[in-house]
Amino acid sequence: MPKVLEVKPLENYRLWVKYSDGVEGVVDLSELAGKGVFVAWKDYREFRKVHIGPGGEIAWGEAIDLCPDAIYLKITGKKPEDLFPKLREVGLQHA
């Protein structure tokens, strides 16, 4: 999987993310704001603290992080099996 190179907060709980394969785009995270651990984002200054964590995750402090692979899928519109062909093979074996 490509690695996150840059991440920037945008208005209305959107993020701009750039990956090592050249893919970049904007993802809307507004549906998460105020729910569960994302309650911290009610203070918009907390959302703006986004950074790349030590494991390559998209993070906000120590308590909140998102899988960069899931964000990549959202940006590209791809499905997991598009990136991991073995998943398609496993699915066919169980069909």
PDB file of N, CA and C in Angstrom:
ATOM      1  N   MET A   1       0.838  -1.191   0.000  1.00  0.00           N
ATOM      2  CA  MET A   1       0.000   0.000   0.000  1.00  0.00           C
ATOM      3  C   MET A   1       0.876   1.245   0.000  1.00  0.00           C
ATOM      4  N   PRO A   2       0.416   2.258  -0.701  1.00  0.00           N
ATOM      5  CA  PRO A   2       1.139   3.531  -0.666  1.00  0.00           C
ATOM      6  C   PRO A   2       1.111   4.130   0.745  1.00  0.00           C
ATOM      7  N   LYS A   3       2.126   4.898   1.045  1.00  0.00           N
ATOM      8  CA  LYS A   3       2.249   5.552   2.354  1.00  0.00           C
ATOM      9  C   LYS A   3       1.771   6.993   2.257  1.00  0.00           C
ATOM     10  N   VAL A   4       1.237   7.508   3.365  1.00  0.00           N
ATOM     11  CA  VAL A   4       0.836   8.914   3.429  1.00  0.00           C
ATOM     12  C   VAL A   4       2.095   9.771   3.494  1.00  0.00           C
ATOM     13  N   LEU A   5       2.177  10.759   2.605  1.00  0.00           N
ATOM     14  CA  LEU A   5       3.299  11.691   2.606  1.00  0.00           C
ATOM     15  C   LEU A   5       2.940  13.015   3.262  1.00  0.00           C
ATOM     16  N   GLU A   6       1.704  13.464   3.026  1.00  0.00           N
ATOM     17  CA  GLU A   6       1.251  14.744   3.571  1.00  0.00           C
ATOM     18  C   GLU A   6      -0.221  14.646   3.924  1.00  0.00           C
ATOM     19  N   VAL A   7      -0.610  15.421   4.927  1.00  0.00           N
ATOM     20  CA  VAL A   7      -2.020  15.533   5.299  1.00  0.00           C
ATOM     21  C   VAL A   7      -2.256  16.958   5.795  1.00  0.00           C
ATOM     22  N   LYS A   8      -3.342  17.558   5.312  1.00  0.00           N
ATOM     23  CA  LYS A   8      -3.668  18.931   5.704  1.00  0.00           C
ATOM     24  C   LYS A   8      -5.155  19.024   6.023  1.00  0.00           C
ATOM     25  N   PRO A   9      -5.493  19.683   7.130  1.00  0.00           N
ATOM     26  CA  PRO A   9      -6.909  19.885   7.444  1.00  0.00           C
ATOM     27  C   PRO A   9      -7.492  20.986   6.560  1.00  0.00           C
ATOM     28  N   LEU A  10      -8.719  20.782   6.145  1.00  0.00           N
ATOM     29  CA  LEU A  10      -9.462  21.775   5.379  1.00  0.00           C
ATOM     30  C   LEU A  10     -10.717  22.141   6.159  1.00  0.00           C
ATOM     31  N   GLU A  11     -11.452  23.099   5.661  1.00  0.00           N
ATOM     32  CA  GLU A  11     -12.696  23.507   6.322  1.00  0.00           C
ATOM     33  C   GLU A  11     -13.730  22.381   6.289  1.00  0.00           C
ATOM     34  N   ASN A  12     -14.673  22.452   7.218  1.00  0.00           N
ATOM     35  CA  ASN A  12     -15.809  21.529   7.277  1.00  0.00           C
ATOM     36  C   ASN A  12     -15.402  20.072   7.434  1.00  0.00           C
ATOM     37  N   TYR A  13     -14.364  19.824   8.238  1.00  0.00           N
ATOM     38  CA  TYR A  13     -13.925  18.467   8.573  1.00  0.00           C
ATOM     39  C   TYR A  13     -13.526  17.655   7.344  1.00  0.00           C
ATOM     40  N   ARG A  14     -12.841  18.312   6.445  1.00  0.00           N
ATOM     41  CA  ARG A  14     -12.295  17.626   5.277  1.00  0.00           C
ATOM     42  C   ARG A  14     -10.774  17.591   5.404  1.00  0.00           C
ATOM     43  N   LEU A  15     -10.168  16.561   4.831  1.00  0.00           N
ATOM     44  CA  LEU A  15      -8.710  16.427   4.827  1.00  0.00           C
ATOM     45  C   LEU A  15      -8.219  16.308   3.399  1.00  0.00           C
ATOM     46  N   TRP A  16      -7.087  16.938   3.137  1.00  0.00           N
ATOM     47  CA  TRP A  16      -6.362  16.703   1.898  1.00  0.00           C
ATOM     48  C   TRP A  16      -5.222  15.762   2.252  1.00  0.00           C
ATOM     49  N   VAL A  17      -5.106  14.680   1.487  1.00  0.00           N
ATOM     50  CA  VAL A  17      -4.091  13.665   1.763  1.00  0.00           C
ATOM     51  C   VAL A  17      -3.337  13.355   0.477  1.00  0.00           C
ATOM     52  N   LYS A  18      -2.003  13.222   0.596  1.00  0.00           N
ATOM     53  CA  LYS A  18      -1.161  12.849  -0.542  1.00  0.00           C
ATOM     54  C   LYS A  18      -0.418  11.571  -0.188  1.00  0.00           C
ATOM     55  N   TYR A  19      -0.409  10.625  -1.141  1.00  0.00           N
ATOM     56  CA  TYR A  19       0.218   9.315  -0.954  1.00  0.00           C
ATOM     57  C   TYR A  19       1.486   9.175  -1.797  1.00  0.00           C
ATOM     58  N   SER A  20       2.295   8.192  -1.446  1.00  0.00           N
ATOM     59  CA  SER A  20       3.583   7.963  -2.095  1.00  0.00           C
ATOM     60  C   SER A  20       3.472   7.538  -3.560  1.00  0.00           C
ATOM     61  N   ASP A  21       2.305   7.081  -3.996  1.00  0.00           N
ATOM     62  CA  ASP A  21       2.134   6.695  -5.408  1.00  0.00           C
ATOM     63  C   ASP A  21       1.607   7.841  -6.261  1.00  0.00           C
ATOM     64  N   GLY A  22       1.528   9.048  -5.675  1.00  0.00           N
ATOM     65  CA  GLY A  22       1.061  10.216  -6.417  1.00  0.00           C
ATOM     66  C   GLY A  22      -0.414  10.505  -6.251  1.00  0.00           C
ATOM     67  N   VAL A  23      -1.168   9.567  -5.694  1.00  0.00           N
ATOM     68  CA  VAL A  23      -2.588   9.811  -5.446  1.00  0.00           C
ATOM     69  C   VAL A  23      -2.720  10.886  -4.374  1.00  0.00           C
ATOM     70  N   GLU A  24      -3.605  11.837  -4.629  1.00  0.00           N
ATOM     71  CA  GLU A  24      -3.933  12.839  -3.631  1.00  0.00           C
ATOM     72  C   GLU A  24      -5.389  13.210  -3.807  1.00  0.00           C
ATOM     73  N   GLY A  25      -5.983  13.653  -2.731  1.00  0.00           N
ATOM     74  CA  GLY A  25      -7.389  14.017  -2.813  1.00  0.00           C
ATOM     75  C   GLY A  25      -7.927  14.464  -1.478  1.00  0.00           C
ATOM     76  N   VAL A  26      -9.194  14.785  -1.511  1.00  0.00           N
ATOM     77  CA  VAL A  26      -9.884  15.304  -0.336  1.00  0.00           C
ATOM     78  C   VAL A  26     -10.912  14.282   0.122  1.00  0.00           C
ATOM     79  N   VAL A  27     -10.957  14.082   1.424  1.00  0.00           N
ATOM     80  CA  VAL A  27     -11.937  13.173   2.013  1.00  0.00           C
ATOM     81  C   VAL A  27     -12.739  13.952   3.057  1.00  0.00           C
ATOM     82  N   ASP A  28     -14.045  13.751   3.044  1.00  0.00           N
ATOM     83  CA  ASP A  28     -14.951  14.417   3.977  1.00  0.00           C
ATOM     84  C   ASP A  28     -15.148  13.522   5.194  1.00  0.00           C
ATOM     85  N   LEU A  29     -14.744  14.019   6.360  1.00  0.00           N
ATOM     86  CA  LEU A  29     -14.891  13.265   7.610  1.00  0.00           C
ATOM     87  C   LEU A  29     -15.960  13.871   8.515  1.00  0.00           C
ATOM     88  N   SER A  30     -16.795  14.731   7.970  1.00  0.00           N
ATOM     89  CA  SER A  30     -17.783  15.438   8.789  1.00  0.00           C
ATOM     90  C   SER A  30     -18.774  14.494   9.470  1.00  0.00           C
ATOM     91  N   GLU A  31     -19.011  13.313   8.877  1.00  0.00           N
ATOM     92  CA  GLU A  31     -19.956  12.375   9.489  1.00  0.00           C
ATOM     93  C   GLU A  31     -19.409  11.801  10.797  1.00  0.00           C
ATOM     94  N   LEU A  32     -18.104  11.913  11.022  1.00  0.00           N
ATOM     95  CA  LEU A  32     -17.502  11.409  12.259  1.00  0.00           C
ATOM     96  C   LEU A  32     -17.509  12.435  13.387  1.00  0.00           C
ATOM     97  N   ALA A  33     -17.493  13.704  13.028  1.00  0.00           N
ATOM     98  CA  ALA A  33     -17.360  14.782  14.015  1.00  0.00           C
ATOM     99  C   ALA A  33     -18.443  14.701  15.081  1.00  0.00           C
ATOM    100  N   GLY A  34     -18.009  14.695  16.344  1.00  0.00           N
ATOM    101  CA  GLY A  34     -18.937  14.689  17.467  1.00  0.00           C
ATOM    102  C   GLY A  34     -19.397  13.315  17.909  1.00  0.00           C
ATOM    103  N   LYS A  35     -18.939  12.255  17.217  1.00  0.00           N
ATOM    104  CA  LYS A  35     -19.368  10.895  17.549  1.00  0.00           C
ATOM    105  C   LYS A  35     -18.222  10.107  18.170  1.00  0.00           C
ATOM    106  N   GLY A  36     -18.498   9.368  19.229  1.00  0.00           N
ATOM    107  CA  GLY A  36     -17.491   8.522  19.867  1.00  0.00           C
ATOM    108  C   GLY A  36     -16.245   9.306  20.217  1.00  0.00           C
ATOM    109  N   VAL A  37     -15.069   8.765  19.873  1.00  0.00           N
ATOM    110  CA  VAL A  37     -13.817   9.461  20.182  1.00  0.00           C
ATOM    111  C   VAL A  37     -13.693  10.771  19.417  1.00  0.00           C
ATOM    112  N   PHE A  38     -14.453  10.903  18.343  1.00  0.00           N
ATOM    113  CA  PHE A  38     -14.391  12.111  17.533  1.00  0.00           C
ATOM    114  C   PHE A  38     -15.154  13.277  18.157  1.00  0.00           C
ATOM    115  N   VAL A  39     -15.674  13.091  19.354  1.00  0.00           N
ATOM    116  CA  VAL A  39     -16.314  14.182  20.086  1.00  0.00           C
ATOM    117  C   VAL A  39     -15.298  15.305  20.326  1.00  0.00           C
ATOM    118  N   ALA A  40     -14.030  14.967  20.376  1.00  0.00           N
ATOM    119  CA  ALA A  40     -12.972  15.973  20.549  1.00  0.00           C
ATOM    120  C   ALA A  40     -13.000  17.002  19.423  1.00  0.00           C
ATOM    121  N   TRP A  41     -13.485  16.603  18.253  1.00  0.00           N
ATOM    122  CA  TRP A  41     -13.519  17.516  17.114  1.00  0.00           C
ATOM    123  C   TRP A  41     -14.589  18.589  17.242  1.00  0.00           C
ATOM    124  N   LYS A  42     -15.429  18.510  18.264  1.00  0.00           N
ATOM    125  CA  LYS A  42     -16.398  19.593  18.471  1.00  0.00           C
ATOM    126  C   LYS A  42     -15.648  20.914  18.626  1.00  0.00           C
ATOM    127  N   ASP A  43     -14.427  20.827  19.172  1.00  0.00           N
ATOM    128  CA  ASP A  43     -13.520  21.973  19.183  1.00  0.00           C
ATOM    129  C   ASP A  43     -12.709  21.845  17.896  1.00  0.00           C
ATOM    130  N   TYR A  44     -13.036  22.649  16.909  1.00  0.00           N
ATOM    131  CA  TYR A  44     -12.437  22.507  15.580  1.00  0.00           C
ATOM    132  C   TYR A  44     -10.913  22.620  15.607  1.00  0.00           C
ATOM    133  N   ARG A  45     -10.382  23.292  16.620  1.00  0.00           N
ATOM    134  CA  ARG A  45      -8.926  23.386  16.745  1.00  0.00           C
ATOM    135  C   ARG A  45      -8.298  22.004  16.899  1.00  0.00           C
ATOM    136  N   GLU A  46      -9.031  21.064  17.508  1.00  0.00           N
ATOM    137  CA  GLU A  46      -8.521  19.688  17.663  1.00  0.00           C
ATOM    138  C   GLU A  46      -8.430  18.982  16.311  1.00  0.00           C
ATOM    139  N   PHE A  47      -9.414  19.186  15.460  1.00  0.00           N
ATOM    140  CA  PHE A  47      -9.378  18.587  14.123  1.00  0.00           C
ATOM    141  C   PHE A  47      -8.174  19.090  13.339  1.00  0.00           C
ATOM    142  N   ARG A  48      -7.850  20.350  13.492  1.00  0.00           N
ATOM    143  CA  ARG A  48      -6.749  20.969  12.751  1.00  0.00           C
ATOM    144  C   ARG A  48      -5.380  20.433  13.180  1.00  0.00           C
ATOM    145  N   LYS A  49      -5.314  19.663  14.256  1.00  0.00           N
ATOM    146  CA  LYS A  49      -4.048  19.104  14.753  1.00  0.00           C
ATOM    147  C   LYS A  49      -3.662  17.790  14.061  1.00  0.00           C
ATOM    148  N   VAL A  50      -4.289  17.478  12.962  1.00  0.00           N
ATOM    149  CA  VAL A  50      -4.013  16.235  12.241  1.00  0.00           C
ATOM    150  C   VAL A  50      -2.527  16.151  11.868  1.00  0.00           C
ATOM    151  N   HIS A  51      -1.996  14.937  11.922  1.00  0.00           N
ATOM    152  CA  HIS A  51      -0.600  14.689  11.554  1.00  0.00           C
ATOM    153  C   HIS A  51      -0.455  13.219  11.151  1.00  0.00           C
ATOM    154  N   ILE A  52       0.691  12.887  10.633  1.00  0.00           N
ATOM    155  CA  ILE A  52       0.997  11.494  10.298  1.00  0.00           C
ATOM    156  C   ILE A  52       1.651  10.881  11.526  1.00  0.00           C
ATOM    157  N   GLY A  53       1.053   9.808  12.032  1.00  0.00           N
ATOM    158  CA  GLY A  53       1.551   9.142  13.228  1.00  0.00           C
ATOM    159  C   GLY A  53       2.795   8.312  12.946  1.00  0.00           C
ATOM    160  N   PRO A  54       3.422   7.792  13.995  1.00  0.00           N
ATOM    161  CA  PRO A  54       4.667   7.034  13.846  1.00  0.00           C
ATOM    162  C   PRO A  54       4.525   5.761  13.020  1.00  0.00           C
ATOM    163  N   GLY A  55       3.318   5.211  12.949  1.00  0.00           N
ATOM    164  CA  GLY A  55       3.089   4.010  12.147  1.00  0.00           C
ATOM    165  C   GLY A  55       2.514   4.306  10.772  1.00  0.00           C
ATOM    166  N   GLY A  56       2.486   5.595  10.392  1.00  0.00           N
ATOM    167  CA  GLY A  56       1.942   5.988   9.098  1.00  0.00           C
ATOM    168  C   GLY A  56       0.456   6.280   9.124  1.00  0.00           C
ATOM    169  N   GLU A  57      -0.160   6.156  10.296  1.00  0.00           N
ATOM    170  CA  GLU A  57      -1.584   6.425  10.415  1.00  0.00           C
ATOM    171  C   GLU A  57      -1.858   7.930  10.362  1.00  0.00           C
ATOM    172  N   ILE A  58      -3.094   8.278  10.037  1.00  0.00           N
ATOM    173  CA  ILE A  58      -3.535   9.668  10.070  1.00  0.00           C
ATOM    174  C   ILE A  58      -4.073   9.876  11.475  1.00  0.00           C
ATOM    175  N   ALA A  59      -3.446  10.780  12.227  1.00  0.00           N
ATOM    176  CA  ALA A  59      -3.704  10.827  13.665  1.00  0.00           C
ATOM    177  C   ALA A  59      -3.987  12.240  14.174  1.00  0.00           C
ATOM    178  N   TRP A  60      -4.635  12.238  15.331  1.00  0.00           N
ATOM    179  CA  TRP A  60      -4.901  13.437  16.111  1.00  0.00           C
ATOM    180  C   TRP A  60      -4.549  13.068  17.545  1.00  0.00           C
ATOM    181  N   GLY A  61      -3.419  13.499  18.022  1.00  0.00           N
ATOM    182  CA  GLY A  61      -3.005  13.144  19.374  1.00  0.00           C
ATOM    183  C   GLY A  61      -2.783  11.642  19.484  1.00  0.00           C
ATOM    184  N   GLU A  62      -2.961  11.134  20.698  1.00  0.00           N
ATOM    185  CA  GLU A  62      -2.734   9.705  20.956  1.00  0.00           C
ATOM    186  C   GLU A  62      -4.025   8.889  20.899  1.00  0.00           C
ATOM    187  N   ALA A  63      -5.170   9.565  20.999  1.00  0.00           N
ATOM    188  CA  ALA A  63      -6.437   8.852  21.144  1.00  0.00           C
ATOM    189  C   ALA A  63      -7.185   8.610  19.837  1.00  0.00           C
ATOM    190  N   ILE A  64      -6.879   9.373  18.795  1.00  0.00           N
ATOM    191  CA  ILE A  64      -7.650   9.267  17.555  1.00  0.00           C
ATOM    192  C   ILE A  64      -6.716   9.015  16.384  1.00  0.00           C
ATOM    193  N   ASP A  65      -7.014   7.969  15.621  1.00  0.00           N
ATOM    194  CA  ASP A  65      -6.292   7.762  14.362  1.00  0.00           C
ATOM    195  C   ASP A  65      -7.193   7.039  13.380  1.00  0.00           C
ATOM    196  N   LEU A  66      -6.870   7.204  12.112  1.00  0.00           N
ATOM    197  CA  LEU A  66      -7.605   6.557  11.032  1.00  0.00           C
ATOM    198  C   LEU A  66      -6.632   5.764  10.174  1.00  0.00           C
ATOM    199  N   CYS A  67      -7.104   4.656   9.669  1.00  0.00           N
ATOM    200  CA  CYS A  67      -6.303   3.803   8.800  1.00  0.00           C
ATOM    201  C   CYS A  67      -6.067   4.521   7.463  1.00  0.00           C
ATOM    202  N   PRO A  68      -4.818   4.725   7.085  1.00  0.00           N
ATOM    203  CA  PRO A  68      -4.560   5.413   5.814  1.00  0.00           C
ATOM    204  C   PRO A  68      -5.057   4.624   4.602  1.00  0.00           C
ATOM    205  N   ASP A  69      -5.132   3.297   4.723  1.00  0.00           N
ATOM    206  CA  ASP A  69      -5.638   2.478   3.620  1.00  0.00           C
ATOM    207  C   ASP A  69      -7.113   2.763   3.361  1.00  0.00           C
ATOM    208  N   ALA A  70      -7.888   2.909   4.424  1.00  0.00           N
ATOM    209  CA  ALA A  70      -9.319   3.203   4.286  1.00  0.00           C
ATOM    210  C   ALA A  70      -9.527   4.572   3.636  1.00  0.00           C
ATOM    211  N   ILE A  71      -8.702   5.533   4.014  1.00  0.00           N
ATOM    212  CA  ILE A  71      -8.803   6.869   3.420  1.00  0.00           C
ATOM    213  C   ILE A  71      -8.413   6.807   1.943  1.00  0.00           C
ATOM    214  N   TYR A  72      -7.396   6.027   1.623  1.00  0.00           N
ATOM    215  CA  TYR A  72      -6.972   5.844   0.240  1.00  0.00           C
ATOM    216  C   TYR A  72      -8.132   5.294  -0.599  1.00  0.00           C
ATOM    217  N   LEU A  73      -8.818   4.304  -0.068  1.00  0.00           N
ATOM    218  CA  LEU A  73      -9.957   3.711  -0.780  1.00  0.00           C
ATOM    219  C   LEU A  73     -11.053   4.753  -1.000  1.00  0.00           C
ATOM    220  N   LYS A  74     -11.301   5.581   0.017  1.00  0.00           N
ATOM    221  CA  LYS A  74     -12.321   6.628  -0.120  1.00  0.00           C
ATOM    222  C   LYS A  74     -11.948   7.621  -1.212  1.00  0.00           C
ATOM    223  N   ILE A  75     -10.697   8.020  -1.236  1.00  0.00           N
ATOM    224  CA  ILE A  75     -10.248   9.003  -2.218  1.00  0.00           C
ATOM    225  C   ILE A  75     -10.295   8.435  -3.633  1.00  0.00           C
ATOM    226  N   THR A  76      -9.846   7.209  -3.809  1.00  0.00           N
ATOM    227  CA  THR A  76      -9.759   6.624  -5.150  1.00  0.00           C
ATOM    228  C   THR A  76     -11.051   5.973  -5.621  1.00  0.00           C
ATOM    229  N   GLY A  77     -11.952   5.653  -4.679  1.00  0.00           N
ATOM    230  CA  GLY A  77     -13.175   4.954  -5.051  1.00  0.00           C
ATOM    231  C   GLY A  77     -12.955   3.474  -5.313  1.00  0.00           C
ATOM    232  N   LYS A  78     -11.760   2.992  -4.979  1.00  0.00           N
ATOM    233  CA  LYS A  78     -11.455   1.577  -5.190  1.00  0.00           C
ATOM    234  C   LYS A  78     -11.989   0.724  -4.052  1.00  0.00           C
ATOM    235  N   LYS A  79     -12.060  -0.573  -4.328  1.00  0.00           N
ATOM    236  CA  LYS A  79     -12.474  -1.552  -3.324  1.00  0.00           C
ATOM    237  C   LYS A  79     -11.227  -2.269  -2.819  1.00  0.00           C
ATOM    238  N   PRO A  80     -11.276  -2.841  -1.614  1.00  0.00           N
ATOM    239  CA  PRO A  80     -10.088  -3.556  -1.096  1.00  0.00           C
ATOM    240  C   PRO A  80      -9.534  -4.590  -2.071  1.00  0.00           C
ATOM    241  N   GLU A  81     -10.401  -5.319  -2.755  1.00  0.00           N
ATOM    242  CA  GLU A  81      -9.918  -6.354  -3.669  1.00  0.00           C
ATOM    243  C   GLU A  81      -9.238  -5.778  -4.910  1.00  0.00           C
ATOM    244  N   ASP A  82      -9.475  -4.479  -5.200  1.00  0.00           N
ATOM    245  CA  ASP A  82      -8.751  -3.832  -6.294  1.00  0.00           C
ATOM    246  C   ASP A  82      -7.275  -3.670  -5.942  1.00  0.00           C
ATOM    247  N   LEU A  83      -6.998  -3.448  -4.681  1.00  0.00           N
ATOM    248  CA  LEU A  83      -5.626  -3.242  -4.222  1.00  0.00           C
ATOM    249  C   LEU A  83      -4.970  -4.528  -3.750  1.00  0.00           C
ATOM    250  N   PHE A  84      -5.789  -5.444  -3.295  1.00  0.00           N
ATOM    251  CA  PHE A  84      -5.294  -6.717  -2.772  1.00  0.00           C
ATOM    252  C   PHE A  84      -5.988  -7.853  -3.524  1.00  0.00           C
ATOM    253  N   PRO A  85      -5.491  -8.225  -4.710  1.00  0.00           N
ATOM    254  CA  PRO A  85      -6.156  -9.240  -5.543  1.00  0.00           C
ATOM    255  C   PRO A  85      -6.395 -10.568  -4.824  1.00  0.00           C
ATOM    256  N   LYS A  86      -5.582 -10.885  -3.845  1.00  0.00           N
ATOM    257  CA  LYS A  86      -5.765 -12.150  -3.103  1.00  0.00           C
ATOM    258  C   LYS A  86      -7.136 -12.174  -2.422  1.00  0.00           C
ATOM    259  N   LEU A  87      -7.660 -11.006  -2.047  1.00  0.00           N
ATOM    260  CA  LEU A  87      -8.991 -10.963  -1.429  1.00  0.00           C
ATOM    261  C   LEU A  87     -10.052 -11.486  -2.393  1.00  0.00           C
ATOM    262  N   ARG A  88      -9.899 -11.176  -3.663  1.00  0.00           N
ATOM    263  CA  ARG A  88     -10.848 -11.642  -4.674  1.00  0.00           C
ATOM    264  C   ARG A  88     -10.788 -13.162  -4.768  1.00  0.00           C
ATOM    265  N   GLU A  89      -9.561 -13.698  -4.725  1.00  0.00           N
ATOM    266  CA  GLU A  89      -9.393 -15.155  -4.787  1.00  0.00           C
ATOM    267  C   GLU A  89     -10.022 -15.832  -3.577  1.00  0.00           C
ATOM    268  N   VAL A  90      -9.840 -15.271  -2.403  1.00  0.00           N
ATOM    269  CA  VAL A  90     -10.421 -15.839  -1.175  1.00  0.00           C
ATOM    270  C   VAL A  90     -11.942 -15.786  -1.279  1.00  0.00           C
ATOM    271  N   GLY A  91     -12.481 -14.678  -1.780  1.00  0.00           N
ATOM    272  CA  GLY A  91     -13.924 -14.555  -1.934  1.00  0.00           C
ATOM    273  C   GLY A  91     -14.494 -15.584  -2.869  1.00  0.00           C
ATOM    274  N   LEU A  92     -13.786 -15.888  -3.936  1.00  0.00           N
ATOM    275  CA  LEU A  92     -14.248 -16.904  -4.891  1.00  0.00           C
ATOM    276  C   LEU A  92     -14.219 -18.295  -4.286  1.00  0.00           C
ATOM    277  N   GLN A  93     -13.251 -18.562  -3.423  1.00  0.00           N
ATOM    278  CA  GLN A  93     -13.158 -19.861  -2.784  1.00  0.00           C
ATOM    279  C   GLN A  93     -14.333 -20.087  -1.828  1.00  0.00           C
ATOM    280  N   HIS A  94     -14.845 -19.012  -1.237  1.00  0.00           N
ATOM    281  CA  HIS A  94     -15.951 -19.151  -0.268  1.00  0.00           C
ATOM    282  C   HIS A  94     -17.326 -18.990  -0.910  1.00  0.00           C
ATOM    283  N   ALA A  95     -17.370 -18.718  -2.203  1.00  0.00           N
ATOM    284  CA  ALA A  95     -18.670 -18.488  -2.868  1.00  0.00           C
ATOM    285  C   ALA A  95     -19.377 -19.793  -3.147  1.00  0.00           C
TER     286      ALA A  95
END
